[in-house]
Amino acid sequence: MNKKVFIAGVMFIMIFTLNIKCEKVCDLNEVLKLKQLIVKDEYMYLIEEFKIYIYSMKTKKLIGSFGKKGEGPGEFIYFSNMIVGKNKISIDSENKILFFSKKGEFINEFRKGFNCNKLFPIKNNYVGFSIDFGTKDINKVLLYNVYDNKFKIVRTIGNNEYIGKLLKKIRTKKKYDDYIPQVKKFFAVYKQKIFLGDPGKGIYFEVFDYNGKPLRIISGNYKKVKMTAKFKNDYINKLKSSNDWERVKAKKNIIFKQKLPCYRWFLINNEKMFLFTYKIENNQREYLITNMNGKIIKKSFIANVPKGLISINKGYIYYTLENEEDELWELHRQKIFNN
């Protein structure tokens, strides 16, 4: 073997190893059933079904908690999602949206309009989606909308074609083909702009202002990954272990696509986009880092954990792992770029 080639190969392996080096930060002794992790500036939030724990990022110690099930002021009967903004926290519940200080102190709440789901505040508006399973127009089953502060639709910015096409098949009441993976659109709010991503198109995002006005298209190059036997086996085995397997088997023909979508979900932080792909190696999930024009500037791997248990803050990706032996959750982190 050529000596230069050998040295280059060793250096590549060393760099790759450094890129995926992770470290345990602390144990999370207070949390039992973790639903979501958010690390934002000096605080970390660990969300159970109705209770939110607040940790100091400086000391890694619990400093308080808030949240209560109920219908009174500051209480919620259903937890959809939580957003930590610059000055306050918003929690989307089934019938209202609630606001708290970053220390968990209740500020106020507003009753939501009908069919406003997973709301993200953006200036004086909100972005979320509506679902109408009764409509005959399959393109209007799931719509992404911008709402005003009275929860009236300002503008519809997109729809999820997959949901409508699937509903059309279900309405036939026959056994129908369900193509896996199911390609769905995702949205995020960053610096008062809305990013609506379509993983079926690769690195592709429509960008809107806070009123839903189109601003630009982000499009980058990405070669789709071929469907693997492992993905198929894992998917079917998970289905078979669920209580839903008999119904699925009777209703659906599971058909796997030849290639996987670009990513499963994405995050935006510090003028970079993080696309978590379907590619798994040694129980590590690949993620792509792009600039705000969609150009890939780095590829790396991180522990394969659910999307709600990953957060990005100040140059690190944070994630939680369940230590089954000690029966507790652990906080880990990985540096995004090595200096």
Protein backbone atom coordinates (compact mmCIF):
# COMPACT_ATOMS: atom_id res chain seq x y z
CA MET A 1 0.00 0.00 0.00
CA ASN A 2 1.22 3.49 -0.83
CA LYS A 3 2.55 5.12 2.37
CA LYS A 4 0.82 8.46 1.69
CA VAL A 5 -2.51 6.73 1.11
CA PHE A 6 -2.10 4.75 4.36
CA ILE A 7 -1.32 7.91 6.38
CA ALA A 8 -4.26 9.74 4.81
CA GLY A 9 -6.53 6.84 5.74
CA VAL A 10 -5.34 6.83 9.35
CA MET A 11 -5.84 10.60 9.60
CA PHE A 12 -9.36 10.27 8.22
CA ILE A 13 -10.22 7.63 10.81
CA MET A 14 -8.80 9.81 13.60
CA ILE A 15 -10.76 12.85 12.45
CA PHE A 16 -13.94 10.82 12.07
CA THR A 17 -13.50 9.40 15.58
CA LEU A 18 -13.03 12.87 17.01
CA ASN A 19 -16.15 14.07 15.24
CA ILE A 20 -18.33 11.48 16.93
CA LYS A 21 -16.68 11.68 20.37
CA CYS A 22 -19.35 12.16 23.00
CA GLU A 23 -19.24 12.78 26.70
CA LYS A 24 -21.60 12.16 29.58
CA VAL A 25 -22.59 15.42 31.27
CA CYS A 26 -24.64 14.32 34.29
CA ASP A 27 -27.31 12.02 35.68
CA LEU A 28 -30.92 13.19 35.67
CA ASN A 29 -32.15 11.62 38.88
CA GLU A 30 -35.49 13.43 39.13
CA VAL A 31 -36.93 12.47 35.73
CA LEU A 32 -38.97 9.30 35.20
CA LYS A 33 -40.81 9.31 31.87
CA LEU A 34 -38.95 11.76 29.66
CA LYS A 35 -40.88 13.15 26.69
CA GLN A 36 -38.82 16.10 25.46
CA LEU A 37 -35.44 17.77 26.02
CA ILE A 38 -34.76 21.45 25.42
CA VAL A 39 -31.41 23.12 26.17
CA LYS A 40 -31.59 26.89 25.79
CA ASP A 41 -28.90 29.31 26.94
CA GLU A 42 -28.46 28.95 30.72
CA TYR A 43 -31.34 26.51 31.29
CA MET A 44 -32.22 22.92 30.43
CA TYR A 45 -35.84 21.74 30.39
CA LEU A 46 -36.83 18.09 30.81
CA ILE A 47 -40.47 17.52 29.99
CA GLU A 48 -42.59 14.68 31.32
CA GLU A 49 -46.28 14.44 30.43
CA PHE A 50 -47.42 17.32 32.64
CA LYS A 51 -44.34 18.33 34.61
CA ILE A 52 -41.33 20.32 33.40
CA TYR A 53 -38.04 20.18 35.30
CA ILE A 54 -35.65 23.14 35.04
CA TYR A 55 -31.92 22.54 35.41
CA SER A 56 -29.08 25.06 35.54
CA MET A 57 -26.64 24.47 32.68
CA LYS A 58 -23.89 25.97 34.83
CA THR A 59 -24.25 23.59 37.79
CA LYS A 60 -26.23 20.79 36.04
CA LYS A 61 -28.49 20.78 39.13
CA LEU A 62 -32.28 20.93 39.40
CA ILE A 63 -33.44 24.44 40.28
CA GLY A 64 -37.21 24.04 40.00
CA SER A 65 -40.19 22.55 38.22
CA PHE A 66 -43.62 23.60 37.00
CA GLY A 67 -46.66 22.19 35.22
CA LYS A 68 -49.85 20.59 36.43
CA LYS A 69 -52.64 18.57 34.86
CA GLY A 70 -55.99 20.33 34.98
CA GLU A 71 -58.20 22.96 33.38
CA GLY A 72 -57.45 25.90 35.67
CA PRO A 73 -55.11 28.83 34.97
CA GLY A 74 -51.60 27.59 34.26
CA GLU A 75 -52.80 23.98 33.97
CA PHE A 76 -53.17 21.84 30.85
CA ILE A 77 -55.04 18.66 30.01
CA TYR A 78 -52.89 17.71 27.03
CA PHE A 79 -49.27 18.47 26.16
CA SER A 80 -48.55 19.00 22.45
CA ASN A 81 -45.25 20.84 22.39
CA MET A 82 -43.16 23.38 24.27
CA ILE A 83 -41.16 26.24 22.76
CA VAL A 84 -38.51 28.20 24.67
CA GLY A 85 -38.28 31.68 23.19
CA LYS A 86 -35.97 34.57 23.94
CA ASN A 87 -37.93 35.80 26.96
CA LYS A 88 -40.62 33.21 27.72
CA ILE A 89 -41.91 29.69 27.26
CA SER A 90 -45.04 28.68 25.35
CA ILE A 91 -46.88 25.39 25.83
CA ASP A 92 -49.49 24.22 23.33
CA SER A 93 -52.26 22.28 25.04
CA GLU A 94 -55.43 20.78 23.57
CA ASN A 95 -57.63 23.85 23.90
CA LYS A 96 -55.28 26.69 24.85
CA ILE A 97 -51.76 28.02 24.64
CA LEU A 98 -49.99 28.96 27.87
CA PHE A 99 -47.04 31.26 28.56
CA PHE A 100 -44.50 31.00 31.38
CA SER A 101 -41.29 32.80 32.26
CA LYS A 102 -38.06 30.94 31.56
CA LYS A 103 -38.00 30.10 35.28
CA GLY A 104 -41.44 28.49 35.06
CA GLU A 105 -43.57 31.32 36.47
CA PHE A 106 -47.07 31.44 34.94
CA ILE A 107 -47.71 34.58 32.86
CA ASN A 108 -50.99 34.12 30.98
CA GLU A 109 -52.92 31.85 28.63
CA PHE A 110 -55.27 32.10 25.65
CA ARG A 111 -58.01 29.81 24.46
CA LYS A 112 -57.10 28.47 21.03
CA GLY A 113 -59.30 28.48 17.99
CA PHE A 114 -60.67 25.19 16.73
CA ASN A 115 -58.22 22.95 14.87
CA CYS A 116 -55.01 24.88 15.52
CA ASN A 117 -52.37 22.26 16.21
CA LYS A 118 -48.77 22.37 17.48
CA LEU A 119 -48.56 26.15 17.51
CA PHE A 120 -45.22 27.97 17.38
CA PRO A 121 -45.29 31.71 18.26
CA ILE A 122 -43.75 33.96 15.61
CA LYS A 123 -43.90 37.72 16.34
CA ASN A 124 -47.62 38.43 16.95
CA ASN A 125 -48.71 35.36 14.98
CA TYR A 126 -48.48 31.59 15.23
CA VAL A 127 -47.63 28.85 12.78
CA GLY A 128 -49.17 25.39 13.06
CA PHE A 129 -51.38 22.99 11.14
CA SER A 130 -55.03 22.05 10.74
CA ILE A 131 -56.49 18.62 9.98
CA ASP A 132 -59.82 17.97 8.27
CA PHE A 133 -60.45 14.27 7.74
CA GLY A 134 -63.96 15.03 6.47
CA THR A 135 -62.93 17.01 3.40
CA LYS A 136 -63.19 15.40 -0.03
CA ASP A 137 -60.25 17.46 -1.28
CA ILE A 138 -57.23 15.30 -0.41
CA ASN A 139 -54.92 18.29 -0.80
CA LYS A 140 -56.66 20.03 2.13
CA VAL A 141 -56.62 17.23 4.70
CA LEU A 142 -53.53 18.61 6.46
CA LEU A 143 -52.68 22.28 5.93
CA TYR A 144 -49.80 24.32 7.35
CA ASN A 145 -51.11 27.74 8.33
CA VAL A 146 -50.09 31.06 9.80
CA TYR A 147 -52.62 32.24 12.40
CA ASP A 148 -53.12 35.71 13.90
CA ASN A 149 -53.37 36.35 17.64
CA LYS A 150 -57.10 35.56 17.48
CA PHE A 151 -56.24 32.17 15.94
CA LYS A 152 -57.73 33.04 12.57
CA ILE A 153 -55.87 31.81 9.47
CA VAL A 154 -53.77 34.56 7.91
CA ARG A 155 -52.36 32.39 5.13
CA THR A 156 -51.95 28.74 4.23
CA ILE A 157 -48.31 28.08 3.37
CA GLY A 158 -48.44 24.42 2.35
CA ASN A 159 -50.08 21.03 2.67
CA ASN A 160 -48.99 17.49 3.40
CA GLU A 161 -49.78 15.43 0.32
CA TYR A 162 -48.96 12.13 2.01
CA ILE A 163 -51.82 12.42 4.54
CA GLY A 164 -54.39 13.18 1.84
CA LYS A 165 -53.29 10.36 -0.43
CA LEU A 166 -53.34 7.90 2.47
CA LEU A 167 -56.84 9.01 3.49
CA LYS A 168 -58.06 8.47 -0.06
CA LYS A 169 -56.81 4.88 0.08
CA ILE A 170 -58.39 4.29 3.49
CA ARG A 171 -61.77 5.51 2.25
CA THR A 172 -61.94 2.67 -0.27
CA LYS A 173 -62.32 0.29 2.72
CA LYS A 174 -60.10 -2.18 0.91
CA LYS A 175 -56.64 -3.37 1.80
CA TYR A 176 -54.37 -0.61 0.59
CA ASP A 177 -50.70 -0.11 -0.19
CA ASP A 178 -48.81 1.84 2.45
CA TYR A 179 -45.42 3.00 1.21
CA ILE A 180 -42.66 3.13 3.81
CA PRO A 181 -41.10 5.42 4.93
CA GLN A 182 -43.99 7.85 4.96
CA VAL A 183 -42.73 11.14 3.56
CA LYS A 184 -44.03 14.05 5.62
CA LYS A 185 -43.17 17.72 5.65
CA PHE A 186 -41.78 19.41 8.78
CA PHE A 187 -41.56 23.05 9.81
CA ALA A 188 -39.41 25.08 12.20
CA VAL A 189 -39.32 28.71 13.28
CA TYR A 190 -35.95 30.46 13.31
CA LYS A 191 -35.30 34.20 13.65
CA GLN A 192 -38.94 35.06 12.94
CA LYS A 193 -38.98 33.04 9.72
CA ILE A 194 -40.77 29.78 8.93
CA PHE A 195 -38.86 26.93 7.31
CA LEU A 196 -41.11 24.29 5.71
CA GLY A 197 -39.01 21.28 4.71
CA ASP A 198 -39.86 18.53 2.24
CA PRO A 199 -37.49 15.56 2.83
CA GLY A 200 -38.91 13.77 -0.21
CA LYS A 201 -37.26 16.43 -2.38
CA GLY A 202 -33.91 16.19 -0.60
CA ILE A 203 -32.41 19.29 0.97
CA TYR A 204 -35.38 21.49 0.14
CA PHE A 205 -37.02 24.20 2.26
CA GLU A 206 -39.56 26.90 1.57
CA VAL A 207 -38.92 29.99 3.68
CA PHE A 208 -41.70 32.39 4.75
CA ASP A 209 -41.92 35.52 6.86
CA TYR A 210 -44.08 35.74 10.01
CA ASN A 211 -47.17 36.55 7.90
CA GLY A 212 -46.66 33.55 5.62
CA LYS A 213 -45.26 35.58 2.71
CA PRO A 214 -42.84 33.46 0.60
CA LEU A 215 -39.26 34.69 0.85
CA ARG A 216 -37.07 32.13 -0.90
CA ILE A 217 -36.31 28.47 -1.61
CA ILE A 218 -33.36 26.64 -0.05
CA SER A 219 -32.17 23.77 -2.22
CA GLY A 220 -29.02 21.68 -1.85
CA ASN A 221 -27.50 18.55 -3.34
CA TYR A 222 -28.00 15.24 -1.56
CA LYS A 223 -27.74 11.73 -2.89
CA LYS A 224 -30.55 9.61 -1.48
CA VAL A 225 -29.62 6.50 0.47
CA LYS A 226 -30.86 3.14 -0.83
CA MET A 227 -33.38 1.22 1.21
CA THR A 228 -31.61 -1.36 3.37
CA ALA A 229 -32.63 -4.82 4.52
CA LYS A 230 -31.94 -3.73 8.10
CA PHE A 231 -34.42 -0.84 7.84
CA LYS A 232 -37.08 -3.23 6.52
CA ASN A 233 -36.45 -5.83 9.20
CA ASP A 234 -36.38 -3.29 12.03
CA TYR A 235 -39.60 -1.69 10.83
CA ILE A 236 -41.49 -4.98 10.49
CA ASN A 237 -40.19 -6.34 13.79
CA LYS A 238 -41.31 -3.18 15.58
CA LEU A 239 -44.75 -3.50 14.02
CA LYS A 240 -45.03 -7.15 14.99
CA SER A 241 -44.21 -6.33 18.60
CA SER A 242 -46.97 -3.69 18.80
CA ASN A 243 -50.61 -4.22 19.69
CA ASP A 244 -51.52 -2.82 16.27
CA TRP A 245 -49.92 -5.56 14.19
CA GLU A 246 -53.04 -7.64 13.47
CA ARG A 247 -55.00 -4.58 12.33
CA VAL A 248 -52.10 -3.35 10.18
CA LYS A 249 -51.66 -6.79 8.61
CA ALA A 250 -55.37 -6.97 7.73
CA LYS A 251 -55.56 -3.40 6.36
CA LYS A 252 -52.21 -2.63 4.73
CA ASN A 253 -49.78 -3.98 2.19
CA ILE A 254 -46.46 -2.71 3.54
CA ILE A 255 -44.35 -1.68 0.56
CA PHE A 256 -40.85 -0.27 1.04
CA LYS A 257 -39.57 2.44 -1.26
CA GLN A 258 -36.32 1.90 -3.12
CA LYS A 259 -34.67 4.97 -1.60
CA LEU A 260 -34.99 6.75 1.72
CA PRO A 261 -35.94 10.44 2.10
CA CYS A 262 -33.19 12.92 2.85
CA TYR A 263 -33.92 13.23 6.57
CA ARG A 264 -36.31 12.22 9.35
CA TRP A 265 -36.35 15.62 11.08
CA PHE A 266 -34.32 18.80 11.25
CA LEU A 267 -33.24 21.56 13.65
CA ILE A 268 -31.87 25.05 13.02
CA ASN A 269 -29.32 26.69 15.31
CA ASN A 270 -26.57 29.30 15.03
CA GLU A 271 -27.08 29.92 11.30
CA LYS A 272 -26.83 26.21 10.47
CA MET A 273 -29.34 23.51 9.60
CA PHE A 274 -29.05 20.05 11.14
CA LEU A 275 -30.69 17.26 9.13
CA PHE A 276 -30.96 13.91 10.93
CA THR A 277 -31.04 11.24 8.22
CA TYR A 278 -32.23 7.63 7.99
CA LYS A 279 -28.69 6.30 7.78
CA ILE A 280 -27.75 4.20 10.83
CA GLU A 281 -24.31 2.71 11.51
CA ASN A 282 -23.42 0.92 14.77
CA ASN A 283 -26.59 2.34 16.37
CA GLN A 284 -25.43 5.86 15.46
CA ARG A 285 -27.61 8.13 13.31
CA GLU A 286 -26.05 10.25 10.59
CA TYR A 287 -26.71 13.96 10.58
CA LEU A 288 -25.84 16.58 8.00
CA ILE A 289 -24.90 20.16 8.80
CA THR A 290 -25.65 22.69 6.07
CA ASN A 291 -25.33 26.43 5.80
CA MET A 292 -28.48 28.51 5.36
CA ASN A 293 -28.28 28.01 1.60
CA GLY A 294 -28.49 24.22 1.86
CA LYS A 295 -24.82 23.46 1.18
CA ILE A 296 -23.49 20.51 3.21
CA ILE A 297 -20.50 21.55 5.32
CA LYS A 298 -20.20 18.47 7.53
CA LYS A 299 -21.49 14.91 8.00
CA SER A 300 -21.27 13.10 11.31
CA PHE A 301 -23.02 10.57 13.57
CA ILE A 302 -24.74 10.74 16.93
CA ALA A 303 -26.54 8.29 19.23
CA ASN A 304 -29.76 7.01 17.71
CA VAL A 305 -32.34 8.49 20.08
CA PRO A 306 -35.91 9.78 19.49
CA LYS A 307 -36.08 13.24 17.94
CA GLY A 308 -37.66 14.84 21.01
CA LEU A 309 -34.63 13.93 23.10
CA ILE A 310 -32.09 15.95 21.07
CA SER A 311 -31.36 19.65 21.48
CA ILE A 312 -28.64 22.04 20.25
CA ASN A 313 -27.06 24.82 22.30
CA LYS A 314 -23.79 26.79 22.17
CA GLY A 315 -21.80 24.50 19.90
CA TYR A 316 -23.02 21.18 21.30
CA ILE A 317 -25.69 18.65 20.47
CA TYR A 318 -27.26 17.46 23.72
CA TYR A 319 -29.21 14.22 24.03
CA THR A 320 -30.51 11.89 26.72
CA LEU A 321 -29.96 8.17 27.13
CA GLU A 322 -31.81 5.83 29.45
CA ASN A 323 -29.51 3.82 31.67
CA GLU A 324 -31.66 0.74 32.18
CA GLU A 325 -29.24 -0.88 34.61
CA ASP A 326 -29.33 2.06 37.04
CA GLU A 327 -32.91 3.00 36.04
CA LEU A 328 -32.16 6.65 35.38
CA TRP A 329 -31.71 9.11 32.53
CA GLU A 330 -28.33 10.52 31.56
CA LEU A 331 -27.48 13.73 29.73
CA HIS A 332 -24.80 13.44 27.04
CA ARG A 333 -23.36 15.91 24.58
CA GLN A 334 -21.29 15.99 21.40
CA LYS A 335 -19.29 18.95 20.15
CA ILE A 336 -20.47 20.04 16.73
CA PHE A 337 -17.14 21.33 15.43
CA ASN A 338 -13.68 20.61 16.78
CA ASN A 339 -11.47 23.67 17.12
